[in-house]
């Protein structure tokens, strides 16, 4: 079973983590199954960018990005060449290293 290594994030995963994921599941589903509460404001329907992650290793093993995901990623904060929406990035057989960006476009989460 592939392993997803999550780099430390001050809110979601302060110590970093490694989780096993079934091939065919999304990165978002795998993180949520292991109590890493990555944002997913649209309930994983590819309608927002709150689940944006940067895949530091294993990017080429993921499924191809479709046009809807590419269009949404253009709106994500901190976009990088290896950015994906974690709800759309499907784990294959290769291990991954994932970084959850520090900032999100989720305005509902902002503390005022």
PDB file of N, CA and C in Angstrom:
ATOM      1  N   UNK A   1       0.830  -1.171   0.000  1.00  0.00           N
ATOM      2  CA  UNK A   1       0.000   0.000   0.000  1.00  0.00           C
ATOM      3  C   UNK A   1       0.886   1.250   0.000  1.00  0.00           C
ATOM      4  N   UNK A   2       0.588   2.219  -0.855  1.00  0.00           N
ATOM      5  CA  UNK A   2       1.397   3.435  -0.897  1.00  0.00           C
ATOM      6  C   UNK A   2       1.328   4.213   0.421  1.00  0.00           C
ATOM      7  N   UNK A   3       2.397   4.934   0.702  1.00  0.00           N
ATOM      8  CA  UNK A   3       2.482   5.771   1.896  1.00  0.00           C
ATOM      9  C   UNK A   3       2.466   7.230   1.453  1.00  0.00           C
ATOM     10  N   UNK A   4       1.672   8.029   2.155  1.00  0.00           N
ATOM     11  CA  UNK A   4       1.675   9.477   1.944  1.00  0.00           C
ATOM     12  C   UNK A   4       2.348  10.097   3.148  1.00  0.00           C
ATOM     13  N   UNK A   5       3.451  10.767   2.906  1.00  0.00           N
ATOM     14  CA  UNK A   5       4.141  11.495   3.971  1.00  0.00           C
ATOM     15  C   UNK A   5       3.653  12.935   3.907  1.00  0.00           C
ATOM     16  N   UNK A   6       3.130  13.435   5.016  1.00  0.00           N
ATOM     17  CA  UNK A   6       2.645  14.798   5.086  1.00  0.00           C
ATOM     18  C   UNK A   6       3.695  15.615   5.840  1.00  0.00           C
ATOM     19  N   UNK A   7       4.173  16.659   5.193  1.00  0.00           N
ATOM     20  CA  UNK A   7       5.153  17.528   5.831  1.00  0.00           C
ATOM     21  C   UNK A   7       4.467  18.322   6.949  1.00  0.00           C
ATOM     22  N   UNK A   8       5.219  18.732   7.970  1.00  0.00           N
ATOM     23  CA  UNK A   8       4.602  19.450   9.087  1.00  0.00           C
ATOM     24  C   UNK A   8       3.835  20.696   8.633  1.00  0.00           C
ATOM     25  N   UNK A   9       2.666  20.880   9.225  1.00  0.00           N
ATOM     26  CA  UNK A   9       1.828  22.057   9.008  1.00  0.00           C
ATOM     27  C   UNK A   9       1.372  22.505  10.395  1.00  0.00           C
ATOM     28  N   UNK A  10       1.510  23.791  10.717  1.00  0.00           N
ATOM     29  CA  UNK A  10       1.247  24.238  12.091  1.00  0.00           C
ATOM     30  C   UNK A  10      -0.155  23.935  12.608  1.00  0.00           C
ATOM     31  N   UNK A  11      -1.143  23.868  11.739  1.00  0.00           N
ATOM     32  CA  UNK A  11      -2.516  23.651  12.181  1.00  0.00           C
ATOM     33  C   UNK A  11      -2.986  22.206  12.010  1.00  0.00           C
ATOM     34  N   UNK A  12      -2.756  21.618  10.857  1.00  0.00           N
ATOM     35  CA  UNK A  12      -3.339  20.323  10.535  1.00  0.00           C
ATOM     36  C   UNK A  12      -2.490  19.142  10.946  1.00  0.00           C
ATOM     37  N   UNK A  13      -1.182  19.335  10.991  1.00  0.00           N
ATOM     38  CA  UNK A  13      -0.295  18.197  11.221  1.00  0.00           C
ATOM     39  C   UNK A  13       1.052  18.728  11.739  1.00  0.00           C
ATOM     40  N   UNK A  14       1.075  19.264  12.966  1.00  0.00           N
ATOM     41  CA  UNK A  14       2.271  19.946  13.458  1.00  0.00           C
ATOM     42  C   UNK A  14       3.556  19.105  13.434  1.00  0.00           C
ATOM     43  N   UNK A  15       3.443  17.821  13.648  1.00  0.00           N
ATOM     44  CA  UNK A  15       4.617  16.955  13.687  1.00  0.00           C
ATOM     45  C   UNK A  15       4.900  16.286  12.350  1.00  0.00           C
ATOM     46  N   UNK A  16       4.036  16.533  11.362  1.00  0.00           N
ATOM     47  CA  UNK A  16       4.123  15.765  10.130  1.00  0.00           C
ATOM     48  C   UNK A  16       3.525  14.386  10.391  1.00  0.00           C
ATOM     49  N   UNK A  17       3.344  13.611   9.358  1.00  0.00           N
ATOM     50  CA  UNK A  17       2.769  12.278   9.532  1.00  0.00           C
ATOM     51  C   UNK A  17       3.050  11.438   8.302  1.00  0.00           C
ATOM     52  N   UNK A  18       2.895  10.153   8.458  1.00  0.00           N
ATOM     53  CA  UNK A  18       2.928   9.203   7.347  1.00  0.00           C
ATOM     54  C   UNK A  18       1.703   8.323   7.483  1.00  0.00           C
ATOM     55  N   UNK A  19       0.948   8.207   6.390  1.00  0.00           N
ATOM     56  CA  UNK A  19      -0.265   7.390   6.407  1.00  0.00           C
ATOM     57  C   UNK A  19      -0.259   6.468   5.207  1.00  0.00           C
ATOM     58  N   UNK A  20      -0.863   5.319   5.367  1.00  0.00           N
ATOM     59  CA  UNK A  20      -1.022   4.406   4.243  1.00  0.00           C
ATOM     60  C   UNK A  20      -2.341   4.714   3.551  1.00  0.00           C
ATOM     61  N   UNK A  21      -2.340   4.574   2.235  1.00  0.00           N
ATOM     62  CA  UNK A  21      -3.535   4.880   1.451  1.00  0.00           C
ATOM     63  C   UNK A  21      -3.779   3.776   0.443  1.00  0.00           C
ATOM     64  N   UNK A  22      -5.010   3.450   0.257  1.00  0.00           N
ATOM     65  CA  UNK A  22      -5.390   2.492  -0.778  1.00  0.00           C
ATOM     66  C   UNK A  22      -5.200   3.150  -2.139  1.00  0.00           C
ATOM     67  N   UNK A  23      -4.600   2.461  -3.069  1.00  0.00           N
ATOM     68  CA  UNK A  23      -4.547   2.963  -4.441  1.00  0.00           C
ATOM     69  C   UNK A  23      -5.979   3.166  -4.905  1.00  0.00           C
ATOM     70  N   UNK A  24      -6.223   4.287  -5.595  1.00  0.00           N
ATOM     71  CA  UNK A  24      -7.561   4.590  -6.072  1.00  0.00           C
ATOM     72  C   UNK A  24      -8.325   5.558  -5.201  1.00  0.00           C
ATOM     73  N   UNK A  25      -7.789   5.901  -4.040  1.00  0.00           N
ATOM     74  CA  UNK A  25      -8.430   6.908  -3.193  1.00  0.00           C
ATOM     75  C   UNK A  25      -7.763   8.253  -3.440  1.00  0.00           C
ATOM     76  N   UNK A  26      -8.472   9.314  -3.144  1.00  0.00           N
ATOM     77  CA  UNK A  26      -7.885  10.637  -3.306  1.00  0.00           C
ATOM     78  C   UNK A  26      -6.980  10.946  -2.116  1.00  0.00           C
ATOM     79  N   UNK A  27      -6.061  11.861  -2.318  1.00  0.00           N
ATOM     80  CA  UNK A  27      -5.201  12.290  -1.212  1.00  0.00           C
ATOM     81  C   UNK A  27      -6.062  12.827  -0.083  1.00  0.00           C
ATOM     82  N   UNK A  28      -7.077  13.621  -0.405  1.00  0.00           N
ATOM     83  CA  UNK A  28      -7.960  14.201   0.607  1.00  0.00           C
ATOM     84  C   UNK A  28      -8.635  13.106   1.437  1.00  0.00           C
ATOM     85  N   UNK A  29      -9.199  12.108   0.775  1.00  0.00           N
ATOM     86  CA  UNK A  29      -9.851  11.008   1.491  1.00  0.00           C
ATOM     87  C   UNK A  29      -8.868  10.298   2.414  1.00  0.00           C
ATOM     88  N   UNK A  30      -7.669  10.056   1.930  1.00  0.00           N
ATOM     89  CA  UNK A  30      -6.666   9.354   2.738  1.00  0.00           C
ATOM     90  C   UNK A  30      -6.299  10.156   3.980  1.00  0.00           C
ATOM     91  N   UNK A  31      -6.123  11.470   3.819  1.00  0.00           N
ATOM     92  CA  UNK A  31      -5.776  12.297   4.975  1.00  0.00           C
ATOM     93  C   UNK A  31      -6.918  12.323   5.988  1.00  0.00           C
ATOM     94  N   UNK A  32      -8.127  12.519   5.512  1.00  0.00           N
ATOM     95  CA  UNK A  32      -9.283  12.561   6.410  1.00  0.00           C
ATOM     96  C   UNK A  32      -9.479  11.238   7.142  1.00  0.00           C
ATOM     97  N   UNK A  33      -9.250  10.119   6.455  1.00  0.00           N
ATOM     98  CA  UNK A  33      -9.378   8.800   7.084  1.00  0.00           C
ATOM     99  C   UNK A  33      -8.396   8.612   8.235  1.00  0.00           C
ATOM    100  N   UNK A  34      -7.297   9.384   8.207  1.00  0.00           N
ATOM    101  CA  UNK A  34      -6.283   9.282   9.256  1.00  0.00           C
ATOM    102  C   UNK A  34      -6.291  10.505  10.170  1.00  0.00           C
ATOM    103  N   UNK A  35      -7.444  11.165  10.258  1.00  0.00           N
ATOM    104  CA  UNK A  35      -7.674  12.291  11.175  1.00  0.00           C
ATOM    105  C   UNK A  35      -6.783  13.496  10.926  1.00  0.00           C
ATOM    106  N   UNK A  36      -6.367  13.684   9.679  1.00  0.00           N
ATOM    107  CA  UNK A  36      -5.665  14.902   9.291  1.00  0.00           C
ATOM    108  C   UNK A  36      -6.712  15.748   8.578  1.00  0.00           C
ATOM    109  N   UNK A  37      -7.236  16.727   9.273  1.00  0.00           N
ATOM    110  CA  UNK A  37      -8.424  17.463   8.850  1.00  0.00           C
ATOM    111  C   UNK A  37      -8.112  18.543   7.817  1.00  0.00           C
ATOM    112  N   UNK A  38      -7.637  18.118   6.666  1.00  0.00           N
ATOM    113  CA  UNK A  38      -7.369  19.042   5.567  1.00  0.00           C
ATOM    114  C   UNK A  38      -8.696  19.690   5.165  1.00  0.00           C
ATOM    115  N   UNK A  39      -8.639  20.975   4.818  1.00  0.00           N
ATOM    116  CA  UNK A  39      -9.858  21.680   4.419  1.00  0.00           C
ATOM    117  C   UNK A  39     -10.434  21.075   3.144  1.00  0.00           C
ATOM    118  N   UNK A  40     -11.743  21.089   3.067  1.00  0.00           N
ATOM    119  CA  UNK A  40     -12.447  20.613   1.877  1.00  0.00           C
ATOM    120  C   UNK A  40     -13.855  21.212   1.893  1.00  0.00           C
ATOM    121  N   UNK A  41     -13.921  22.514   1.648  1.00  0.00           N
ATOM    122  CA  UNK A  41     -15.162  23.274   1.798  1.00  0.00           C
ATOM    123  C   UNK A  41     -16.276  22.820   0.862  1.00  0.00           C
ATOM    124  N   UNK A  42     -15.940  22.247  -0.273  1.00  0.00           N
ATOM    125  CA  UNK A  42     -16.979  21.820  -1.228  1.00  0.00           C
ATOM    126  C   UNK A  42     -17.297  20.341  -1.091  1.00  0.00           C
ATOM    127  N   UNK A  43     -16.853  19.731   0.003  1.00  0.00           N
ATOM    128  CA  UNK A  43     -17.091  18.305   0.243  1.00  0.00           C
ATOM    129  C   UNK A  43     -16.561  17.432  -0.884  1.00  0.00           C
ATOM    130  N   UNK A  44     -15.391  17.808  -1.405  1.00  0.00           N
ATOM    131  CA  UNK A  44     -14.647  17.022  -2.389  1.00  0.00           C
ATOM    132  C   UNK A  44     -15.355  16.908  -3.738  1.00  0.00           C
ATOM    133  N   UNK A  45     -16.043  17.973  -4.153  1.00  0.00           N
ATOM    134  CA  UNK A  45     -16.758  17.945  -5.430  1.00  0.00           C
ATOM    135  C   UNK A  45     -16.063  18.737  -6.533  1.00  0.00           C
ATOM    136  N   UNK A  46     -14.814  19.150  -6.306  1.00  0.00           N
ATOM    137  CA  UNK A  46     -14.038  19.919  -7.287  1.00  0.00           C
ATOM    138  C   UNK A  46     -14.733  21.235  -7.618  1.00  0.00           C
ATOM    139  N   UNK A  47     -15.161  21.944  -6.565  1.00  0.00           N
ATOM    140  CA  UNK A  47     -15.831  23.225  -6.751  1.00  0.00           C
ATOM    141  C   UNK A  47     -15.134  24.366  -6.023  1.00  0.00           C
ATOM    142  N   UNK A  48     -14.002  24.088  -5.363  1.00  0.00           N
ATOM    143  CA  UNK A  48     -13.261  25.135  -4.657  1.00  0.00           C
ATOM    144  C   UNK A  48     -11.776  24.772  -4.653  1.00  0.00           C
ATOM    145  N   UNK A  49     -10.968  25.550  -3.966  1.00  0.00           N
ATOM    146  CA  UNK A  49      -9.530  25.263  -3.910  1.00  0.00           C
ATOM    147  C   UNK A  49      -9.030  25.053  -2.488  1.00  0.00           C
ATOM    148  N   UNK A  50      -9.919  24.859  -1.530  1.00  0.00           N
ATOM    149  CA  UNK A  50      -9.477  24.782  -0.137  1.00  0.00           C
ATOM    150  C   UNK A  50      -8.643  23.544   0.167  1.00  0.00           C
ATOM    151  N   UNK A  51      -8.742  22.505  -0.641  1.00  0.00           N
ATOM    152  CA  UNK A  51      -7.960  21.282  -0.387  1.00  0.00           C
ATOM    153  C   UNK A  51      -6.659  21.252  -1.189  1.00  0.00           C
ATOM    154  N   UNK A  52      -6.229  22.407  -1.680  1.00  0.00           N
ATOM    155  CA  UNK A  52      -4.995  22.522  -2.458  1.00  0.00           C
ATOM    156  C   UNK A  52      -3.805  21.981  -1.661  1.00  0.00           C
ATOM    157  N   UNK A  53      -3.014  21.129  -2.297  1.00  0.00           N
ATOM    158  CA  UNK A  53      -1.763  20.627  -1.719  1.00  0.00           C
ATOM    159  C   UNK A  53      -0.664  20.721  -2.773  1.00  0.00           C
ATOM    160  N   UNK A  54       0.564  20.660  -2.312  1.00  0.00           N
ATOM    161  CA  UNK A  54       1.714  20.600  -3.207  1.00  0.00           C
ATOM    162  C   UNK A  54       2.335  19.224  -3.038  1.00  0.00           C
ATOM    163  N   UNK A  55       2.437  18.494  -4.138  1.00  0.00           N
ATOM    164  CA  UNK A  55       2.983  17.140  -4.107  1.00  0.00           C
ATOM    165  C   UNK A  55       4.488  17.252  -4.369  1.00  0.00           C
ATOM    166  N   UNK A  56       5.273  17.106  -3.309  1.00  0.00           N
ATOM    167  CA  UNK A  56       6.729  17.276  -3.397  1.00  0.00           C
ATOM    168  C   UNK A  56       7.422  16.065  -4.012  1.00  0.00           C
ATOM    169  N   UNK A  57       6.876  14.875  -3.824  1.00  0.00           N
ATOM    170  CA  UNK A  57       7.424  13.660  -4.425  1.00  0.00           C
ATOM    171  C   UNK A  57       6.280  12.765  -4.858  1.00  0.00           C
ATOM    172  N   UNK A  58       6.428  12.150  -6.020  1.00  0.00           N
ATOM    173  CA  UNK A  58       5.431  11.221  -6.524  1.00  0.00           C
ATOM    174  C   UNK A  58       4.373  11.860  -7.413  1.00  0.00           C
ATOM    175  N   UNK A  59       4.547  13.106  -7.784  1.00  0.00           N
ATOM    176  CA  UNK A  59       3.557  13.840  -8.578  1.00  0.00           C
ATOM    177  C   UNK A  59       3.207  13.112  -9.872  1.00  0.00           C
ATOM    178  N   UNK A  60       4.196  12.586 -10.555  1.00  0.00           N
ATOM    179  CA  UNK A  60       3.968  11.939 -11.859  1.00  0.00           C
ATOM    180  C   UNK A  60       3.128  10.669 -11.753  1.00  0.00           C
ATOM    181  N   UNK A  61       3.030  10.084 -10.562  1.00  0.00           N
ATOM    182  CA  UNK A  61       2.261   8.852 -10.409  1.00  0.00           C
ATOM    183  C   UNK A  61       0.756   9.106 -10.271  1.00  0.00           C
ATOM    184  N   UNK A  62       0.378  10.344 -10.027  1.00  0.00           N
ATOM    185  CA  UNK A  62      -1.038  10.673  -9.839  1.00  0.00           C
ATOM    186  C   UNK A  62      -1.780  10.659 -11.164  1.00  0.00           C
ATOM    187  N   UNK A  63      -3.100  10.555 -11.082  1.00  0.00           N
ATOM    188  CA  UNK A  63      -3.931  10.629 -12.277  1.00  0.00           C
ATOM    189  C   UNK A  63      -3.746  11.988 -12.957  1.00  0.00           C
ATOM    190  N   UNK A  64      -4.096  12.067 -14.228  1.00  0.00           N
ATOM    191  CA  UNK A  64      -3.982  13.337 -14.946  1.00  0.00           C
ATOM    192  C   UNK A  64      -5.000  14.331 -14.419  1.00  0.00           C
ATOM    193  N   UNK A  65      -4.595  15.586 -14.407  1.00  0.00           N
ATOM    194  CA  UNK A  65      -5.473  16.655 -13.984  1.00  0.00           C
ATOM    195  C   UNK A  65      -6.460  16.973 -15.114  1.00  0.00           C
ATOM    196  N   UNK A  66      -7.736  17.106 -14.776  1.00  0.00           N
ATOM    197  CA  UNK A  66      -8.695  17.474 -15.813  1.00  0.00           C
ATOM    198  C   UNK A  66      -8.821  19.001 -15.884  1.00  0.00           C
ATOM    199  N   UNK A  67      -9.556  19.460 -16.867  1.00  0.00           N
ATOM    200  CA  UNK A  67      -9.666  20.894 -17.119  1.00  0.00           C
ATOM    201  C   UNK A  67     -10.323  21.650 -15.961  1.00  0.00           C
ATOM    202  N   UNK A  68     -11.313  21.057 -15.321  1.00  0.00           N
ATOM    203  CA  UNK A  68     -11.989  21.706 -14.186  1.00  0.00           C
ATOM    204  C   UNK A  68     -11.023  21.954 -13.041  1.00  0.00           C
ATOM    205  N   UNK A  69     -10.221  20.945 -12.738  1.00  0.00           N
ATOM    206  CA  UNK A  69      -9.239  21.097 -11.658  1.00  0.00           C
ATOM    207  C   UNK A  69      -8.206  22.149 -12.022  1.00  0.00           C
ATOM    208  N   UNK A  70      -7.719  22.128 -13.246  1.00  0.00           N
ATOM    209  CA  UNK A  70      -6.717  23.112 -13.683  1.00  0.00           C
ATOM    210  C   UNK A  70      -7.268  24.530 -13.581  1.00  0.00           C
ATOM    211  N   UNK A  71      -8.517  24.717 -13.987  1.00  0.00           N
ATOM    212  CA  UNK A  71      -9.137  26.045 -13.904  1.00  0.00           C
ATOM    213  C   UNK A  71      -9.251  26.513 -12.460  1.00  0.00           C
ATOM    214  N   UNK A  72      -9.655  25.620 -11.564  1.00  0.00           N
ATOM    215  CA  UNK A  72      -9.765  25.988 -10.158  1.00  0.00           C
ATOM    216  C   UNK A  72      -8.402  26.281  -9.541  1.00  0.00           C
ATOM    217  N   UNK A  73      -7.410  25.484  -9.881  1.00  0.00           N
ATOM    218  CA  UNK A  73      -6.075  25.697  -9.304  1.00  0.00           C
ATOM    219  C   UNK A  73      -5.518  27.077  -9.644  1.00  0.00           C
ATOM    220  N   UNK A  74      -5.927  27.622 -10.755  1.00  0.00           N
ATOM    221  CA  UNK A  74      -5.478  28.972 -11.111  1.00  0.00           C
ATOM    222  C   UNK A  74      -5.865  29.990 -10.051  1.00  0.00           C
ATOM    223  N   UNK A  75      -6.855  29.670  -9.232  1.00  0.00           N
ATOM    224  CA  UNK A  75      -7.322  30.589  -8.180  1.00  0.00           C
ATOM    225  C   UNK A  75      -6.687  30.310  -6.819  1.00  0.00           C
ATOM    226  N   UNK A  76      -5.967  29.226  -6.693  1.00  0.00           N
ATOM    227  CA  UNK A  76      -5.398  28.835  -5.395  1.00  0.00           C
ATOM    228  C   UNK A  76      -4.248  29.751  -5.004  1.00  0.00           C
ATOM    229  N   UNK A  77      -4.117  29.992  -3.714  1.00  0.00           N
ATOM    230  CA  UNK A  77      -3.003  30.772  -3.188  1.00  0.00           C
ATOM    231  C   UNK A  77      -1.785  29.862  -3.085  1.00  0.00           C
ATOM    232  N   UNK A  78      -0.624  30.382  -3.452  1.00  0.00           N
ATOM    233  CA  UNK A  78       0.609  29.613  -3.335  1.00  0.00           C
ATOM    234  C   UNK A  78       0.748  28.521  -4.377  1.00  0.00           C
ATOM    235  N   UNK A  79       0.150  28.721  -5.531  1.00  0.00           N
ATOM    236  CA  UNK A  79       0.193  27.722  -6.599  1.00  0.00           C
ATOM    237  C   UNK A  79       1.631  27.442  -7.028  1.00  0.00           C
ATOM    238  N   UNK A  80       1.947  26.166  -7.207  1.00  0.00           N
ATOM    239  CA  UNK A  80       3.262  25.724  -7.671  1.00  0.00           C
ATOM    240  C   UNK A  80       3.059  24.731  -8.810  1.00  0.00           C
ATOM    241  N   UNK A  81       4.107  24.429  -9.569  1.00  0.00           N
ATOM    242  CA  UNK A  81       3.953  23.479 -10.674  1.00  0.00           C
ATOM    243  C   UNK A  81       3.423  22.107 -10.240  1.00  0.00           C
ATOM    244  N   UNK A  82       3.690  21.696  -9.014  1.00  0.00           N
ATOM    245  CA  UNK A  82       3.238  20.396  -8.527  1.00  0.00           C
ATOM    246  C   UNK A  82       2.029  20.510  -7.606  1.00  0.00           C
ATOM    247  N   UNK A  83       1.226  21.552  -7.796  1.00  0.00           N
ATOM    248  CA  UNK A  83      -0.002  21.722  -7.020  1.00  0.00           C
ATOM    249  C   UNK A  83      -1.104  20.840  -7.578  1.00  0.00           C
ATOM    250  N   UNK A  84      -1.935  20.345  -6.672  1.00  0.00           N
ATOM    251  CA  UNK A  84      -3.128  19.582  -7.044  1.00  0.00           C
ATOM    252  C   UNK A  84      -4.224  19.891  -6.027  1.00  0.00           C
ATOM    253  N   UNK A  85      -5.453  19.670  -6.419  1.00  0.00           N
ATOM    254  CA  UNK A  85      -6.548  19.639  -5.456  1.00  0.00           C
ATOM    255  C   UNK A  85      -6.535  18.234  -4.874  1.00  0.00           C
ATOM    256  N   UNK A  86      -6.401  18.139  -3.574  1.00  0.00           N
ATOM    257  CA  UNK A  86      -6.247  16.809  -2.973  1.00  0.00           C
ATOM    258  C   UNK A  86      -7.484  15.939  -3.166  1.00  0.00           C
ATOM    259  N   UNK A  87      -8.644  16.559  -3.400  1.00  0.00           N
ATOM    260  CA  UNK A  87      -9.859  15.761  -3.630  1.00  0.00           C
ATOM    261  C   UNK A  87      -9.884  15.142  -5.023  1.00  0.00           C
ATOM    262  N   UNK A  88      -9.034  15.630  -5.920  1.00  0.00           N
ATOM    263  CA  UNK A  88      -9.008  15.136  -7.293  1.00  0.00           C
ATOM    264  C   UNK A  88      -7.753  14.324  -7.604  1.00  0.00           C
ATOM    265  N   UNK A  89      -6.745  14.393  -6.752  1.00  0.00           N
ATOM    266  CA  UNK A  89      -5.482  13.688  -6.960  1.00  0.00           C
ATOM    267  C   UNK A  89      -5.614  12.263  -6.435  1.00  0.00           C
ATOM    268  N   UNK A  90      -5.628  11.302  -7.342  1.00  0.00           N
ATOM    269  CA  UNK A  90      -5.855   9.905  -6.982  1.00  0.00           C
ATOM    270  C   UNK A  90      -4.518   9.174  -6.808  1.00  0.00           C
ATOM    271  N   UNK A  91      -4.379   8.535  -5.661  1.00  0.00           N
ATOM    272  CA  UNK A  91      -3.162   7.801  -5.310  1.00  0.00           C
ATOM    273  C   UNK A  91      -3.049   6.570  -6.204  1.00  0.00           C
ATOM    274  N   UNK A  92      -1.850   6.332  -6.718  1.00  0.00           N
ATOM    275  CA  UNK A  92      -1.572   5.126  -7.506  1.00  0.00           C
ATOM    276  C   UNK A  92      -0.768   4.165  -6.620  1.00  0.00           C
ATOM    277  N   UNK A  93       0.318   3.618  -7.138  1.00  0.00           N
ATOM    278  CA  UNK A  93       1.119   2.654  -6.388  1.00  0.00           C
ATOM    279  C   UNK A  93       2.376   3.261  -5.780  1.00  0.00           C
ATOM    280  N   UNK A  94       2.660   4.515  -6.071  1.00  0.00           N
ATOM    281  CA  UNK A  94       3.899   5.142  -5.619  1.00  0.00           C
ATOM    282  C   UNK A  94       3.673   5.949  -4.345  1.00  0.00           C
ATOM    283  N   UNK A  95       4.668   5.955  -3.465  1.00  0.00           N
ATOM    284  CA  UNK A  95       4.621   6.781  -2.265  1.00  0.00           C
ATOM    285  C   UNK A  95       4.626   8.255  -2.662  1.00  0.00           C
ATOM    286  N   UNK A  96       4.048   9.091  -1.791  1.00  0.00           N
ATOM    287  CA  UNK A  96       3.956  10.522  -2.047  1.00  0.00           C
ATOM    288  C   UNK A  96       4.491  11.306  -0.857  1.00  0.00           C
ATOM    289  N   UNK A  97       4.988  12.501  -1.131  1.00  0.00           N
ATOM    290  CA  UNK A  97       5.305  13.481  -0.098  1.00  0.00           C
ATOM    291  C   UNK A  97       4.457  14.699  -0.423  1.00  0.00           C
ATOM    292  N   UNK A  98       3.635  15.117   0.554  1.00  0.00           N
ATOM    293  CA  UNK A  98       2.650  16.164   0.337  1.00  0.00           C
ATOM    294  C   UNK A  98       2.856  17.288   1.344  1.00  0.00           C
ATOM    295  N   UNK A  99       2.728  18.512   0.852  1.00  0.00           N
ATOM    296  CA  UNK A  99       2.764  19.689   1.717  1.00  0.00           C
ATOM    297  C   UNK A  99       1.413  20.379   1.641  1.00  0.00           C
ATOM    298  N   UNK A 100       0.834  20.665   2.795  1.00  0.00           N
ATOM    299  CA  UNK A 100      -0.402  21.435   2.858  1.00  0.00           C
ATOM    300  C   UNK A 100       0.011  22.899   2.978  1.00  0.00           C
ATOM    301  N   UNK A 101      -0.384  23.741   2.020  1.00  0.00           N
ATOM    302  CA  UNK A 101       0.031  25.146   2.083  1.00  0.00           C
ATOM    303  C   UNK A 101      -0.449  25.825   3.364  1.00  0.00           C
ATOM    304  N   UNK A 102       0.314  26.809   3.784  1.00  0.00           N
ATOM    305  CA  UNK A 102      -0.009  27.525   5.023  1.00  0.00           C
ATOM    306  C   UNK A 102      -1.292  28.330   4.890  1.00  0.00           C
ATOM    307  N   UNK A 103      -1.540  28.885   3.710  1.00  0.00           N
ATOM    308  CA  UNK A 103      -2.701  29.749   3.521  1.00  0.00           C
ATOM    309  C   UNK A 103      -3.692  29.125   2.561  1.00  0.00           C
ATOM    310  N   UNK A 104      -4.948  29.460   2.772  1.00  0.00           N
ATOM    311  CA  UNK A 104      -6.040  28.947   1.957  1.00  0.00           C
ATOM    312  C   UNK A 104      -6.938  30.090   1.533  1.00  0.00           C
ATOM    313  N   UNK A 105      -7.714  29.858   0.514  1.00  0.00           N
ATOM    314  CA  UNK A 105      -8.666  30.855   0.045  1.00  0.00           C
ATOM    315  C   UNK A 105     -10.022  30.702   0.741  1.00  0.00           C
ATOM    316  N   UNK A 106     -10.107  29.862   1.768  1.00  0.00           N
ATOM    317  CA  UNK A 106     -11.354  29.604   2.474  1.00  0.00           C
ATOM    318  C   UNK A 106     -11.690  30.781   3.382  1.00  0.00           C
ATOM    319  N   UNK A 107     -12.495  31.700   2.900  1.00  0.00           N
ATOM    320  CA  UNK A 107     -12.858  32.898   3.661  1.00  0.00           C
ATOM    321  C   UNK A 107     -13.734  32.560   4.854  1.00  0.00           C
ATOM    322  N   UNK A 108     -14.485  31.498   4.799  1.00  0.00           N
ATOM    323  CA  UNK A 108     -15.357  31.121   5.904  1.00  0.00           C
ATOM    324  C   UNK A 108     -14.555  30.745   7.148  1.00  0.00           C
ATOM    325  N   UNK A 109     -13.324  30.337   6.953  1.00  0.00           N
ATOM    326  CA  UNK A 109     -12.481  29.894   8.053  1.00  0.00           C
ATOM    327  C   UNK A 109     -11.750  31.047   8.731  1.00  0.00           C
ATOM    328  N   UNK A 110     -11.644  32.181   8.057  1.00  0.00           N
ATOM    329  CA  UNK A 110     -10.880  33.301   8.611  1.00  0.00           C
ATOM    330  C   UNK A 110     -11.464  33.766   9.936  1.00  0.00           C
ATOM    331  N   UNK A 111     -10.570  34.056  10.860  1.00  0.00           N
ATOM    332  CA  UNK A 111     -10.993  34.581  12.169  1.00  0.00           C
ATOM    333  C   UNK A 111     -10.938  36.099  12.098  1.00  0.00           C
ATOM    334  N   UNK A 112     -12.056  36.717  12.403  1.00  0.00           N
ATOM    335  CA  UNK A 112     -12.128  38.181  12.338  1.00  0.00           C
ATOM    336  C   UNK A 112     -12.120  38.767  13.713  1.00  0.00           C
TER     337      UNK A 112
END
